């Protein structure tokens, strides 16, 4: 988990700023909030994103695919760096 976070930090820092006049990157998808309350031991917990647990729901799949498309678009300038880092990491596995 830590390696992934560090790798994403490195890759995110490697993304060059957009050139002047260049189109801005796509806007990230925004997950709708649907209130869901759980009552347990006298506490009420509210989770606006509980609906994302329903993996078979077409709306959840569509949202996750939109997130993946956004990530691919934003990270596209780092494709070569990602491949280089991946090959280096695989090369170090005993």
C-alpha atoms as a PDB file:
ATOM      1  CA  UNK A   1       0.000   0.000   0.000  1.00  0.00           C
ATOM      2  CA  UNK A   2       2.755   2.432   0.940  1.00  0.00           C
ATOM      3  CA  UNK A   3       4.691   1.623  -2.242  1.00  0.00           C
ATOM      4  CA  UNK A   4       1.618   2.341  -4.338  1.00  0.00           C
ATOM      5  CA  UNK A   5       1.034   5.688  -2.612  1.00  0.00           C
ATOM      6  CA  UNK A   6       4.684   6.636  -3.032  1.00  0.00           C
ATOM      7  CA  UNK A   7       4.634   5.549  -6.670  1.00  0.00           C
ATOM      8  CA  UNK A   8       1.503   7.570  -7.361  1.00  0.00           C
ATOM      9  CA  UNK A   9       3.113  10.554  -5.643  1.00  0.00           C
ATOM     10  CA  UNK A  10       6.184  10.241  -7.851  1.00  0.00           C
ATOM     11  CA  UNK A  11       4.092   9.812 -10.972  1.00  0.00           C
ATOM     12  CA  UNK A  12       1.830  12.695 -10.021  1.00  0.00           C
ATOM     13  CA  UNK A  13       4.853  14.946  -9.502  1.00  0.00           C
ATOM     14  CA  UNK A  14       6.153  13.894 -12.926  1.00  0.00           C
ATOM     15  CA  UNK A  15       3.069  15.143 -14.735  1.00  0.00           C
ATOM     16  CA  UNK A  16       4.124  18.315 -16.531  1.00  0.00           C
ATOM     17  CA  UNK A  17       1.901  21.364 -16.210  1.00  0.00           C
ATOM     18  CA  UNK A  18      -0.301  21.946 -19.262  1.00  0.00           C
ATOM     19  CA  UNK A  19       1.206  24.195 -21.902  1.00  0.00           C
ATOM     20  CA  UNK A  20      -0.367  27.588 -22.332  1.00  0.00           C
ATOM     21  CA  UNK A  21      -3.354  27.298 -24.613  1.00  0.00           C
ATOM     22  CA  UNK A  22      -3.468  23.521 -24.195  1.00  0.00           C
ATOM     23  CA  UNK A  23      -6.817  21.989 -23.302  1.00  0.00           C
ATOM     24  CA  UNK A  24      -7.272  21.375 -19.595  1.00  0.00           C
ATOM     25  CA  UNK A  25      -7.418  17.769 -18.425  1.00  0.00           C
ATOM     26  CA  UNK A  26     -10.822  16.164 -18.198  1.00  0.00           C
ATOM     27  CA  UNK A  27     -12.813  16.912 -15.092  1.00  0.00           C
ATOM     28  CA  UNK A  28     -12.871  14.120 -12.501  1.00  0.00           C
ATOM     29  CA  UNK A  29     -16.179  12.356 -12.048  1.00  0.00           C
ATOM     30  CA  UNK A  30     -18.104  13.279  -8.933  1.00  0.00           C
ATOM     31  CA  UNK A  31     -19.857  10.479  -7.080  1.00  0.00           C
ATOM     32  CA  UNK A  32     -23.418  11.366  -6.167  1.00  0.00           C
ATOM     33  CA  UNK A  33     -24.255  11.255  -2.487  1.00  0.00           C
ATOM     34  CA  UNK A  34     -27.161   9.071  -1.434  1.00  0.00           C
ATOM     35  CA  UNK A  35     -27.786   9.201   2.322  1.00  0.00           C
ATOM     36  CA  UNK A  36     -27.747   5.827   4.050  1.00  0.00           C
ATOM     37  CA  UNK A  37     -28.056   5.454   7.801  1.00  0.00           C
ATOM     38  CA  UNK A  38     -26.989   2.485   9.891  1.00  0.00           C
ATOM     39  CA  UNK A  39     -28.159   2.142  13.476  1.00  0.00           C
ATOM     40  CA  UNK A  40     -25.917   0.060  15.713  1.00  0.00           C
ATOM     41  CA  UNK A  41     -25.611  -0.005  19.507  1.00  0.00           C
ATOM     42  CA  UNK A  42     -27.538   3.234  19.854  1.00  0.00           C
ATOM     43  CA  UNK A  43     -25.332   5.078  17.340  1.00  0.00           C
ATOM     44  CA  UNK A  44     -26.487   6.318  13.988  1.00  0.00           C
ATOM     45  CA  UNK A  45     -23.871   6.362  11.260  1.00  0.00           C
ATOM     46  CA  UNK A  46     -24.418   8.109   7.972  1.00  0.00           C
ATOM     47  CA  UNK A  47     -22.611   6.980   4.835  1.00  0.00           C
ATOM     48  CA  UNK A  48     -23.408   8.972   1.707  1.00  0.00           C
ATOM     49  CA  UNK A  49     -21.332   6.604  -0.443  1.00  0.00           C
ATOM     50  CA  UNK A  50     -22.772   3.296   0.785  1.00  0.00           C
ATOM     51  CA  UNK A  51     -24.279   2.764  -2.653  1.00  0.00           C
ATOM     52  CA  UNK A  52     -20.765   2.156  -4.044  1.00  0.00           C
ATOM     53  CA  UNK A  53     -20.700  -1.200  -2.217  1.00  0.00           C
ATOM     54  CA  UNK A  54     -23.214  -2.658  -4.662  1.00  0.00           C
ATOM     55  CA  UNK A  55     -20.669  -3.994  -7.168  1.00  0.00           C
ATOM     56  CA  UNK A  56     -23.311  -5.461  -9.489  1.00  0.00           C
ATOM     57  CA  UNK A  57     -25.192  -2.147  -9.810  1.00  0.00           C
ATOM     58  CA  UNK A  58     -24.731  -0.658 -13.315  1.00  0.00           C
ATOM     59  CA  UNK A  59     -24.470   2.848 -11.800  1.00  0.00           C
ATOM     60  CA  UNK A  60     -21.513   1.768  -9.630  1.00  0.00           C
ATOM     61  CA  UNK A  61     -19.788   0.142 -12.602  1.00  0.00           C
ATOM     62  CA  UNK A  62     -20.350   3.260 -14.739  1.00  0.00           C
ATOM     63  CA  UNK A  63     -18.943   5.521 -12.028  1.00  0.00           C
ATOM     64  CA  UNK A  64     -15.847   3.350 -11.531  1.00  0.00           C
ATOM     65  CA  UNK A  65     -15.256   3.205 -15.290  1.00  0.00           C
ATOM     66  CA  UNK A  66     -15.504   7.016 -15.416  1.00  0.00           C
ATOM     67  CA  UNK A  67     -12.918   7.263 -12.608  1.00  0.00           C
ATOM     68  CA  UNK A  68     -10.614   4.880 -14.469  1.00  0.00           C
ATOM     69  CA  UNK A  69     -10.983   6.849 -17.717  1.00  0.00           C
ATOM     70  CA  UNK A  70     -10.174  10.094 -15.889  1.00  0.00           C
ATOM     71  CA  UNK A  71      -7.094   8.549 -14.257  1.00  0.00           C
ATOM     72  CA  UNK A  72      -5.894   7.206 -17.608  1.00  0.00           C
ATOM     73  CA  UNK A  73      -6.324  10.632 -19.216  1.00  0.00           C
ATOM     74  CA  UNK A  74      -4.489  12.494 -16.457  1.00  0.00           C
ATOM     75  CA  UNK A  75      -1.664   9.951 -16.178  1.00  0.00           C
ATOM     76  CA  UNK A  76      -1.211   9.529 -19.947  1.00  0.00           C
ATOM     77  CA  UNK A  77       1.866  11.849 -20.081  1.00  0.00           C
ATOM     78  CA  UNK A  78       3.663   9.521 -17.626  1.00  0.00           C
ATOM     79  CA  UNK A  79       3.168   6.287 -19.571  1.00  0.00           C
ATOM     80  CA  UNK A  80       6.863   5.899 -20.443  1.00  0.00           C
ATOM     81  CA  UNK A  81       7.932   6.644 -16.870  1.00  0.00           C
ATOM     82  CA  UNK A  82       5.409   4.146 -15.495  1.00  0.00           C
ATOM     83  CA  UNK A  83       6.795   1.436 -17.772  1.00  0.00           C
ATOM     84  CA  UNK A  84      10.380   2.247 -16.776  1.00  0.00           C
ATOM     85  CA  UNK A  85       9.541   2.128 -13.071  1.00  0.00           C
ATOM     86  CA  UNK A  86       7.587  -1.105 -13.499  1.00  0.00           C
ATOM     87  CA  UNK A  87      10.468  -2.816 -15.310  1.00  0.00           C
ATOM     88  CA  UNK A  88      12.895  -1.657 -12.609  1.00  0.00           C
ATOM     89  CA  UNK A  89      10.683  -2.962  -9.801  1.00  0.00           C
ATOM     90  CA  UNK A  90      10.135  -6.320 -11.518  1.00  0.00           C
ATOM     91  CA  UNK A  91      13.862  -6.576 -12.145  1.00  0.00           C
ATOM     92  CA  UNK A  92      14.533  -6.256  -8.407  1.00  0.00           C
ATOM     93  CA  UNK A  93      12.149  -9.025  -7.338  1.00  0.00           C
ATOM     94  CA  UNK A  94      14.113 -12.019  -6.073  1.00  0.00           C
END
